[in-house]
Amino acid sequence: MSDNWSEYWKGMKDVRFKKEPFTFKFYEMLLGSDFKGKRVLEIGCGTGIDSILMGMKGAKLTFLDRSPEAMALVKDNLDRFGLKAEFLQEDFFEYDFKPRWDIVHSNGTAEHFLPPKRQEAIDIHAKACAKGGKVCILVPHAKCPPYRFGKAVSSRLGLWIYGKEYPYTKTELRARMEKSGLDVEKMLGGEALFSLLWAFSPVFLGLSGRAVRKGIVKGAGRRMLRLNYNNRIANRWGRVIGAVGVKR
């Protein structure tokens, strides 16, 4: 198991998408669909796909990631869609944030830390957010059995590609966001049906990441959205938790 994110993003250089993927639809469930004129910061941007889709709806974008490979990937995607953005190639724990963004979000960032960095990661999201703005955080769900099983087996076999990952419960995520000065207004579960695939993650992670790349860009259909997001099973056992907090 490796924490070499530069190598991981090199392997994602051929990511392409044509339709709005499932993750972005989940963002719209959490944040709504009006991004026009909003100043958006993505912390730990990776491919930048979700922010780019916000940019296509009128948002003003800032991307932060310490990996030059991730930044190059985002710039390539931006060029293809004719968008511009601000880039911060920084370690977000070391960057001096000012509260200037209307939306601060991350997907797959906050779960890579243990205390005291765990709380600090959430605090930084809140610090960067303007008063009255929104912080949106997506993290793996600790109570999703297929994900926990697949992760354990993949890690034992040396196939896990996501670094050290410590999933959240809803209770912990809410408490840490509130401690950061955020009023949590919405918390939803996602990937109810998709979570079953994580039980077989040793298989698809061993396929050179092809299934992972395809999953990132898969276009979302209405029926699959209903099966996977914000339903009873997803909210209780889904693979991912999404939470939105308003900056006090």
C-alpha atoms as a PDB file:
ATOM      1  CA  MET A   1       0.000   0.000   0.000  1.00  0.00           C
ATOM      2  CA  SER A   2       1.426   3.362  -1.051  1.00  0.00           C
ATOM      3  CA  ASP A   3       0.855   7.043  -0.313  1.00  0.00           C
ATOM      4  CA  ASN A   4       2.537   8.083  -3.574  1.00  0.00           C
ATOM      5  CA  TRP A   5      -0.276  10.193  -5.015  1.00  0.00           C
ATOM      6  CA  SER A   6       1.892  11.465  -7.857  1.00  0.00           C
ATOM      7  CA  GLU A   7       2.108   7.928  -9.245  1.00  0.00           C
ATOM      8  CA  TYR A   8      -1.630   7.506  -8.798  1.00  0.00           C
ATOM      9  CA  TRP A   9      -2.473  10.669 -10.761  1.00  0.00           C
ATOM     10  CA  LYS A  10      -0.048   9.736 -13.537  1.00  0.00           C
ATOM     11  CA  GLY A  11      -2.209   6.672 -14.005  1.00  0.00           C
ATOM     12  CA  MET A  12      -5.334   8.851 -14.312  1.00  0.00           C
ATOM     13  CA  LYS A  13      -4.072  11.009 -17.199  1.00  0.00           C
ATOM     14  CA  ASP A  14      -6.473   9.443 -19.705  1.00  0.00           C
ATOM     15  CA  VAL A  15      -9.621  10.247 -17.710  1.00  0.00           C
ATOM     16  CA  ARG A  16     -12.380  11.616 -19.946  1.00  0.00           C
ATOM     17  CA  PHE A  17     -16.051  12.303 -19.370  1.00  0.00           C
ATOM     18  CA  LYS A  18     -18.957  13.183 -21.638  1.00  0.00           C
ATOM     19  CA  LYS A  19     -21.975  13.231 -19.306  1.00  0.00           C
ATOM     20  CA  GLU A  20     -22.272  14.497 -15.753  1.00  0.00           C
ATOM     21  CA  PRO A  21     -20.999  11.626 -13.567  1.00  0.00           C
ATOM     22  CA  PHE A  22     -22.620  10.241 -10.438  1.00  0.00           C
ATOM     23  CA  THR A  23     -20.397  12.124  -8.020  1.00  0.00           C
ATOM     24  CA  PHE A  24     -21.399  15.473  -9.493  1.00  0.00           C
ATOM     25  CA  LYS A  25     -25.075  14.580  -9.297  1.00  0.00           C
ATOM     26  CA  PHE A  26     -24.471  13.826  -5.616  1.00  0.00           C
ATOM     27  CA  TYR A  27     -22.924  17.279  -5.265  1.00  0.00           C
ATOM     28  CA  GLU A  28     -26.084  18.781  -6.748  1.00  0.00           C
ATOM     29  CA  MET A  29     -28.208  16.894  -4.212  1.00  0.00           C
ATOM     30  CA  LEU A  30     -26.091  18.476  -1.491  1.00  0.00           C
ATOM     31  CA  LEU A  31     -25.479  21.977  -2.875  1.00  0.00           C
ATOM     32  CA  GLY A  32     -28.200  22.530  -5.464  1.00  0.00           C
ATOM     33  CA  SER A  33     -27.469  23.318  -9.105  1.00  0.00           C
ATOM     34  CA  ASP A  34     -26.952  27.102  -9.051  1.00  0.00           C
ATOM     35  CA  PHE A  35     -23.202  27.704  -9.242  1.00  0.00           C
ATOM     36  CA  LYS A  36     -23.233  30.890 -11.332  1.00  0.00           C
ATOM     37  CA  GLY A  37     -20.777  33.441  -9.953  1.00  0.00           C
ATOM     38  CA  LYS A  38     -19.884  31.280  -6.942  1.00  0.00           C
ATOM     39  CA  ARG A  39     -16.241  31.224  -5.891  1.00  0.00           C
ATOM     40  CA  VAL A  40     -15.364  27.546  -5.514  1.00  0.00           C
ATOM     41  CA  LEU A  41     -12.277  26.023  -3.889  1.00  0.00           C
ATOM     42  CA  GLU A  42     -11.548  22.297  -4.168  1.00  0.00           C
ATOM     43  CA  ILE A  43      -9.046  20.997  -1.608  1.00  0.00           C
ATOM     44  CA  GLY A  44      -7.146  17.955  -2.828  1.00  0.00           C
ATOM     45  CA  CYS A  45      -8.553  18.337  -6.325  1.00  0.00           C
ATOM     46  CA  GLY A  46      -7.313  15.174  -8.045  1.00  0.00           C
ATOM     47  CA  THR A  47      -8.945  15.095 -11.495  1.00  0.00           C
ATOM     48  CA  GLY A  48     -10.985  18.234 -10.727  1.00  0.00           C
ATOM     49  CA  ILE A  49     -14.003  16.832 -12.558  1.00  0.00           C
ATOM     50  CA  ASP A  50     -16.672  17.960 -10.109  1.00  0.00           C
ATOM     51  CA  SER A  51     -15.330  21.506  -9.846  1.00  0.00           C
ATOM     52  CA  ILE A  52     -14.974  21.697 -13.611  1.00  0.00           C
ATOM     53  CA  LEU A  53     -18.652  20.850 -13.976  1.00  0.00           C
ATOM     54  CA  MET A  54     -19.440  23.631 -11.493  1.00  0.00           C
ATOM     55  CA  GLY A  55     -17.305  25.903 -13.671  1.00  0.00           C
ATOM     56  CA  MET A  56     -19.326  24.931 -16.716  1.00  0.00           C
ATOM     57  CA  LYS A  57     -22.343  26.206 -14.782  1.00  0.00           C
ATOM     58  CA  GLY A  58     -20.690  29.563 -14.081  1.00  0.00           C
ATOM     59  CA  ALA A  59     -18.545  29.055 -10.970  1.00  0.00           C
ATOM     60  CA  LYS A  60     -15.156  30.741 -10.508  1.00  0.00           C
ATOM     61  CA  LEU A  61     -12.694  27.960  -9.745  1.00  0.00           C
ATOM     62  CA  THR A  62      -9.661  27.482  -7.518  1.00  0.00           C
ATOM     63  CA  PHE A  63      -7.862  24.149  -7.314  1.00  0.00           C
ATOM     64  CA  LEU A  64      -5.480  23.132  -4.546  1.00  0.00           C
ATOM     65  CA  ASP A  65      -3.332  20.012  -4.607  1.00  0.00           C
ATOM     66  CA  ARG A  66       0.279  19.380  -3.715  1.00  0.00           C
ATOM     67  CA  SER A  67       0.744  16.944  -6.623  1.00  0.00           C
ATOM     68  CA  PRO A  68       2.048  18.469  -9.881  1.00  0.00           C
ATOM     69  CA  GLU A  69       0.605  15.470 -11.727  1.00  0.00           C
ATOM     70  CA  ALA A  70      -2.867  16.221 -10.362  1.00  0.00           C
ATOM     71  CA  MET A  71      -2.519  19.877 -11.352  1.00  0.00           C
ATOM     72  CA  ALA A  72      -1.436  18.934 -14.865  1.00  0.00           C
ATOM     73  CA  LEU A  73      -4.443  16.641 -15.158  1.00  0.00           C
ATOM     74  CA  VAL A  74      -6.830  19.410 -14.069  1.00  0.00           C
ATOM     75  CA  LYS A  75      -5.277  21.912 -16.483  1.00  0.00           C
ATOM     76  CA  ASP A  76      -5.680  19.445 -19.336  1.00  0.00           C
ATOM     77  CA  ASN A  77      -9.356  18.960 -18.493  1.00  0.00           C
ATOM     78  CA  LEU A  78      -9.897  22.717 -18.179  1.00  0.00           C
ATOM     79  CA  ASP A  79      -8.308  23.354 -21.574  1.00  0.00           C
ATOM     80  CA  ARG A  80     -10.581  20.825 -23.239  1.00  0.00           C
ATOM     81  CA  PHE A  81     -13.649  22.624 -21.881  1.00  0.00           C
ATOM     82  CA  GLY A  82     -12.343  26.143 -22.428  1.00  0.00           C
ATOM     83  CA  LEU A  83     -12.283  27.066 -18.735  1.00  0.00           C
ATOM     84  CA  LYS A  84      -9.799  29.021 -16.640  1.00  0.00           C
ATOM     85  CA  ALA A  85      -8.967  28.696 -12.949  1.00  0.00           C
ATOM     86  CA  GLU A  86      -6.634  29.682 -10.135  1.00  0.00           C
ATOM     87  CA  PHE A  87      -4.100  27.020  -9.113  1.00  0.00           C
ATOM     88  CA  LEU A  88      -2.536  26.532  -5.695  1.00  0.00           C
ATOM     89  CA  GLN A  89       0.073  23.790  -5.713  1.00  0.00           C
ATOM     90  CA  GLU A  90       0.386  23.591  -1.963  1.00  0.00           C
ATOM     91  CA  ASP A  91       0.121  21.322   1.046  1.00  0.00           C
ATOM     92  CA  PHE A  92      -3.209  22.538   2.423  1.00  0.00           C
ATOM     93  CA  PHE A  93      -1.975  22.205   6.006  1.00  0.00           C
ATOM     94  CA  GLU A  94       0.711  24.784   5.246  1.00  0.00           C
ATOM     95  CA  TYR A  95      -1.222  27.261   3.080  1.00  0.00           C
ATOM     96  CA  ASP A  96      -2.423  30.497   4.725  1.00  0.00           C
ATOM     97  CA  PHE A  97      -6.105  30.472   3.791  1.00  0.00           C
ATOM     98  CA  LYS A  98      -8.299  33.556   3.833  1.00  0.00           C
ATOM     99  CA  PRO A  99     -12.113  33.243   4.049  1.00  0.00           C
ATOM    100  CA  ARG A 100     -12.799  34.189   0.429  1.00  0.00           C
ATOM    101  CA  TRP A 101     -14.654  31.261  -1.149  1.00  0.00           C
ATOM    102  CA  ASP A 102     -18.418  30.733  -1.315  1.00  0.00           C
ATOM    103  CA  ILE A 103     -18.083  26.954  -1.627  1.00  0.00           C
ATOM    104  CA  VAL A 104     -15.184  24.933  -0.237  1.00  0.00           C
ATOM    105  CA  HIS A 105     -15.319  21.243  -0.981  1.00  0.00           C
ATOM    106  CA  SER A 106     -13.339  18.030  -1.053  1.00  0.00           C
ATOM    107  CA  ASN A 107     -14.006  14.463  -2.081  1.00  0.00           C
ATOM    108  CA  GLY A 108     -11.687  11.800  -0.707  1.00  0.00           C
ATOM    109  CA  THR A 109      -9.372  14.124   1.233  1.00  0.00           C
ATOM    110  CA  ALA A 110     -10.390  14.417   4.896  1.00  0.00           C
ATOM    111  CA  GLU A 111     -10.308  10.667   5.576  1.00  0.00           C
ATOM    112  CA  HIS A 112      -6.543  10.364   5.092  1.00  0.00           C
ATOM    113  CA  PHE A 113      -5.688  11.779   8.513  1.00  0.00           C
ATOM    114  CA  LEU A 114      -5.774  10.769  12.170  1.00  0.00           C
ATOM    115  CA  PRO A 115      -6.025  13.153  15.164  1.00  0.00           C
ATOM    116  CA  PRO A 116      -4.963  15.874  15.582  1.00  0.00           C
ATOM    117  CA  LYS A 117      -4.662  16.390  11.804  1.00  0.00           C
ATOM    118  CA  ARG A 118      -8.138  14.908  11.376  1.00  0.00           C
ATOM    119  CA  GLN A 119      -9.844  17.867  13.011  1.00  0.00           C
ATOM    120  CA  GLU A 120      -7.394  20.331  11.504  1.00  0.00           C
ATOM    121  CA  ALA A 121      -8.322  19.161   7.992  1.00  0.00           C
ATOM    122  CA  ILE A 122     -11.973  20.060   8.636  1.00  0.00           C
ATOM    123  CA  ASP A 123     -10.980  23.316  10.339  1.00  0.00           C
ATOM    124  CA  ILE A 124      -9.067  24.372   7.217  1.00  0.00           C
ATOM    125  CA  HIS A 125     -12.135  23.842   5.031  1.00  0.00           C
ATOM    126  CA  ALA A 126     -14.093  26.132   7.344  1.00  0.00           C
ATOM    127  CA  LYS A 127     -11.301  28.715   7.538  1.00  0.00           C
ATOM    128  CA  ALA A 128     -11.226  29.088   3.750  1.00  0.00           C
ATOM    129  CA  CYS A 129     -14.997  29.564   3.529  1.00  0.00           C
ATOM    130  CA  ALA A 130     -16.551  33.032   3.565  1.00  0.00           C
ATOM    131  CA  LYS A 131     -19.150  33.770   6.232  1.00  0.00           C
ATOM    132  CA  GLY A 132     -22.484  32.388   5.081  1.00  0.00           C
ATOM    133  CA  GLY A 133     -20.747  30.199   2.507  1.00  0.00           C
ATOM    134  CA  LYS A 134     -20.895  26.416   2.384  1.00  0.00           C
ATOM    135  CA  VAL A 135     -18.438  23.631   3.082  1.00  0.00           C
ATOM    136  CA  CYS A 136     -19.161  20.303   1.369  1.00  0.00           C
ATOM    137  CA  ILE A 137     -17.186  17.227   2.391  1.00  0.00           C
ATOM    138  CA  LEU A 138     -17.430  13.725   0.919  1.00  0.00           C
ATOM    139  CA  VAL A 139     -15.764  10.860   2.796  1.00  0.00           C
ATOM    140  CA  PRO A 140     -15.985   7.051   2.946  1.00  0.00           C
ATOM    141  CA  HIS A 141     -18.553   5.663   5.385  1.00  0.00           C
ATOM    142  CA  ALA A 142     -17.184   3.551   8.233  1.00  0.00           C
ATOM    143  CA  LYS A 143     -20.451   1.590   8.491  1.00  0.00           C
ATOM    144  CA  CYS A 144     -20.423   0.264   4.910  1.00  0.00           C
ATOM    145  CA  PRO A 145     -19.620  -3.491   5.204  1.00  0.00           C
ATOM    146  CA  PRO A 146     -18.624  -4.197   1.552  1.00  0.00           C
ATOM    147  CA  TYR A 147     -16.242  -1.232   1.501  1.00  0.00           C
ATOM    148  CA  ARG A 148     -14.601  -2.211   4.809  1.00  0.00           C
ATOM    149  CA  PHE A 149     -14.214  -5.830   3.698  1.00  0.00           C
ATOM    150  CA  GLY A 150     -12.820  -4.968   0.275  1.00  0.00           C
ATOM    151  CA  LYS A 151     -10.425  -2.415   1.728  1.00  0.00           C
ATOM    152  CA  ALA A 152      -9.107  -4.875   4.313  1.00  0.00           C
ATOM    153  CA  VAL A 153      -8.492  -7.609   1.740  1.00  0.00           C
ATOM    154  CA  SER A 154      -6.987  -5.217  -0.828  1.00  0.00           C
ATOM    155  CA  SER A 155      -4.651  -3.767   1.805  1.00  0.00           C
ATOM    156  CA  ARG A 156      -3.512  -7.229   2.898  1.00  0.00           C
ATOM    157  CA  LEU A 157      -2.760  -8.155  -0.727  1.00  0.00           C
ATOM    158  CA  GLY A 158      -0.925  -4.880  -1.383  1.00  0.00           C
ATOM    159  CA  LEU A 159      -3.484  -3.757  -3.971  1.00  0.00           C
ATOM    160  CA  TRP A 160      -4.997  -0.773  -2.158  1.00  0.00           C
ATOM    161  CA  ILE A 161      -4.180   2.391  -4.168  1.00  0.00           C
ATOM    162  CA  TYR A 162      -5.790   5.092  -2.013  1.00  0.00           C
ATOM    163  CA  GLY A 163      -3.159   5.450   0.681  1.00  0.00           C
ATOM    164  CA  LYS A 164      -3.923   5.422   4.392  1.00  0.00           C
ATOM    165  CA  GLU A 165      -7.673   5.856   4.710  1.00  0.00           C
ATOM    166  CA  TYR A 166      -9.676   6.167   7.930  1.00  0.00           C
ATOM    167  CA  PRO A 167     -13.422   6.330   7.147  1.00  0.00           C
ATOM    168  CA  TYR A 168     -15.926   8.458   9.059  1.00  0.00           C
ATOM    169  CA  THR A 169     -19.208   7.786  10.763  1.00  0.00           C
ATOM    170  CA  LYS A 170     -21.941  10.378  10.334  1.00  0.00           C
ATOM    171  CA  THR A 171     -21.683  11.209  14.023  1.00  0.00           C
ATOM    172  CA  GLU A 172     -17.979  11.968  13.816  1.00  0.00           C
ATOM    173  CA  LEU A 173     -18.257  14.026  10.634  1.00  0.00           C
ATOM    174  CA  ARG A 174     -21.091  16.129  12.042  1.00  0.00           C
ATOM    175  CA  ALA A 175     -19.249  16.708  15.323  1.00  0.00           C
ATOM    176  CA  ARG A 176     -16.026  17.761  13.628  1.00  0.00           C
ATOM    177  CA  MET A 177     -17.810  20.120  11.229  1.00  0.00           C
ATOM    178  CA  GLU A 178     -19.728  21.741  14.076  1.00  0.00           C
ATOM    179  CA  LYS A 179     -16.502  22.115  16.063  1.00  0.00           C
ATOM    180  CA  SER A 180     -15.089  23.981  13.033  1.00  0.00           C
ATOM    181  CA  GLY A 181     -17.851  26.592  13.217  1.00  0.00           C
ATOM    182  CA  LEU A 182     -20.172  25.069  10.631  1.00  0.00           C
ATOM    183  CA  ASP A 183     -23.921  24.549  10.965  1.00  0.00           C
ATOM    184  CA  VAL A 184     -24.551  21.201   9.284  1.00  0.00           C
ATOM    185  CA  GLU A 185     -27.661  21.628   7.152  1.00  0.00           C
ATOM    186  CA  LYS A 186     -27.585  18.405   5.158  1.00  0.00           C
ATOM    187  CA  MET A 187     -26.013  14.951   5.393  1.00  0.00           C
ATOM    188  CA  LEU A 188     -26.724  12.248   2.810  1.00  0.00           C
ATOM    189  CA  GLY A 189     -25.488   8.762   2.045  1.00  0.00           C
ATOM    190  CA  GLY A 190     -24.495   7.529  -1.377  1.00  0.00           C
ATOM    191  CA  GLU A 191     -23.394   4.534  -3.406  1.00  0.00           C
ATOM    192  CA  ALA A 192     -25.842   2.051  -1.874  1.00  0.00           C
ATOM    193  CA  LEU A 193     -25.791  -0.349  -4.824  1.00  0.00           C
ATOM    194  CA  PHE A 194     -22.295   0.579  -5.977  1.00  0.00           C
ATOM    195  CA  SER A 195     -20.957  -0.218  -2.508  1.00  0.00           C
ATOM    196  CA  LEU A 196     -21.450  -3.928  -3.212  1.00  0.00           C
ATOM    197  CA  LEU A 197     -18.707  -3.698  -5.825  1.00  0.00           C
ATOM    198  CA  TRP A 198     -16.220  -2.650  -3.145  1.00  0.00           C
ATOM    199  CA  ALA A 199     -16.344  -6.171  -1.732  1.00  0.00           C
ATOM    200  CA  PHE A 200     -14.567  -7.156  -4.952  1.00  0.00           C
ATOM    201  CA  SER A 201     -12.073  -4.281  -4.923  1.00  0.00           C
ATOM    202  CA  PRO A 202      -9.073  -6.666  -4.881  1.00  0.00           C
ATOM    203  CA  VAL A 203     -10.191  -7.682  -8.385  1.00  0.00           C
ATOM    204  CA  PHE A 204     -10.824  -4.294  -9.991  1.00  0.00           C
ATOM    205  CA  LEU A 205      -7.887  -2.593  -8.277  1.00  0.00           C
ATOM    206  CA  GLY A 206      -5.695  -5.270  -9.802  1.00  0.00           C
ATOM    207  CA  LEU A 207      -6.823  -4.362 -13.324  1.00  0.00           C
ATOM    208  CA  SER A 208      -4.365  -1.452 -13.606  1.00  0.00           C
ATOM    209  CA  GLY A 209      -7.040   0.923 -12.348  1.00  0.00           C
ATOM    210  CA  ARG A 210      -9.127   0.693 -15.547  1.00  0.00           C
ATOM    211  CA  ALA A 211     -12.352   0.062 -13.654  1.00  0.00           C
ATOM    212  CA  VAL A 212     -11.550   2.911 -11.266  1.00  0.00           C
ATOM    213  CA  ARG A 213     -11.072   5.379 -14.128  1.00  0.00           C
ATOM    214  CA  LYS A 214     -14.268   4.230 -15.826  1.00  0.00           C
ATOM    215  CA  GLY A 215     -16.204   4.612 -12.586  1.00  0.00           C
ATOM    216  CA  ILE A 216     -15.105   8.224 -12.152  1.00  0.00           C
ATOM    217  CA  VAL A 217     -16.527   9.319 -15.493  1.00  0.00           C
ATOM    218  CA  LYS A 218     -19.609   7.085 -15.749  1.00  0.00           C
ATOM    219  CA  GLY A 219     -22.646   9.144 -16.783  1.00  0.00           C
ATOM    220  CA  ALA A 220     -25.449   9.171 -14.226  1.00  0.00           C
ATOM    221  CA  GLY A 221     -28.887   7.809 -15.090  1.00  0.00           C
ATOM    222  CA  ARG A 222     -32.006   8.710 -13.090  1.00  0.00           C
ATOM    223  CA  ARG A 223     -32.818   5.151 -12.076  1.00  0.00           C
ATOM    224  CA  MET A 224     -29.289   4.462 -10.855  1.00  0.00           C
ATOM    225  CA  LEU A 225     -29.278   7.739  -8.950  1.00  0.00           C
ATOM    226  CA  ARG A 226     -32.439   6.701  -7.089  1.00  0.00           C
ATOM    227  CA  LEU A 227     -30.926   3.317  -6.271  1.00  0.00           C
ATOM    228  CA  ASN A 228     -27.601   4.702  -5.108  1.00  0.00           C
ATOM    229  CA  TYR A 229     -28.136   8.074  -3.429  1.00  0.00           C
ATOM    230  CA  ASN A 230     -30.211   9.523  -0.610  1.00  0.00           C
ATOM    231  CA  ASN A 231     -32.412   6.505  -0.022  1.00  0.00           C
ATOM    232  CA  ARG A 232     -32.894   4.502   3.160  1.00  0.00           C
ATOM    233  CA  ILE A 233     -30.105   2.027   2.435  1.00  0.00           C
ATOM    234  CA  ALA A 234     -27.684   4.651   1.132  1.00  0.00           C
ATOM    235  CA  ASN A 235     -28.214   6.888   4.146  1.00  0.00           C
ATOM    236  CA  ARG A 236     -27.588   4.009   6.537  1.00  0.00           C
ATOM    237  CA  TRP A 237     -24.934   1.862   4.838  1.00  0.00           C
ATOM    238  CA  GLY A 238     -23.843   3.618   1.632  1.00  0.00           C
ATOM    239  CA  ARG A 239     -20.144   3.713   0.793  1.00  0.00           C
ATOM    240  CA  VAL A 240     -19.909   7.497   0.970  1.00  0.00           C
ATOM    241  CA  ILE A 241     -21.193  10.259   3.244  1.00  0.00           C
ATOM    242  CA  GLY A 242     -21.755  13.770   1.915  1.00  0.00           C
ATOM    243  CA  ALA A 243     -22.251  16.667   4.332  1.00  0.00           C
ATOM    244  CA  VAL A 244     -22.839  20.386   3.864  1.00  0.00           C
ATOM    245  CA  GLY A 245     -22.208  22.959   6.571  1.00  0.00           C
ATOM    246  CA  VAL A 246     -22.852  26.722   6.524  1.00  0.00           C
ATOM    247  CA  LYS A 247     -20.086  28.984   7.864  1.00  0.00           C
ATOM    248  CA  ARG A 248     -21.241  30.939  10.904  1.00  0.00           C
END
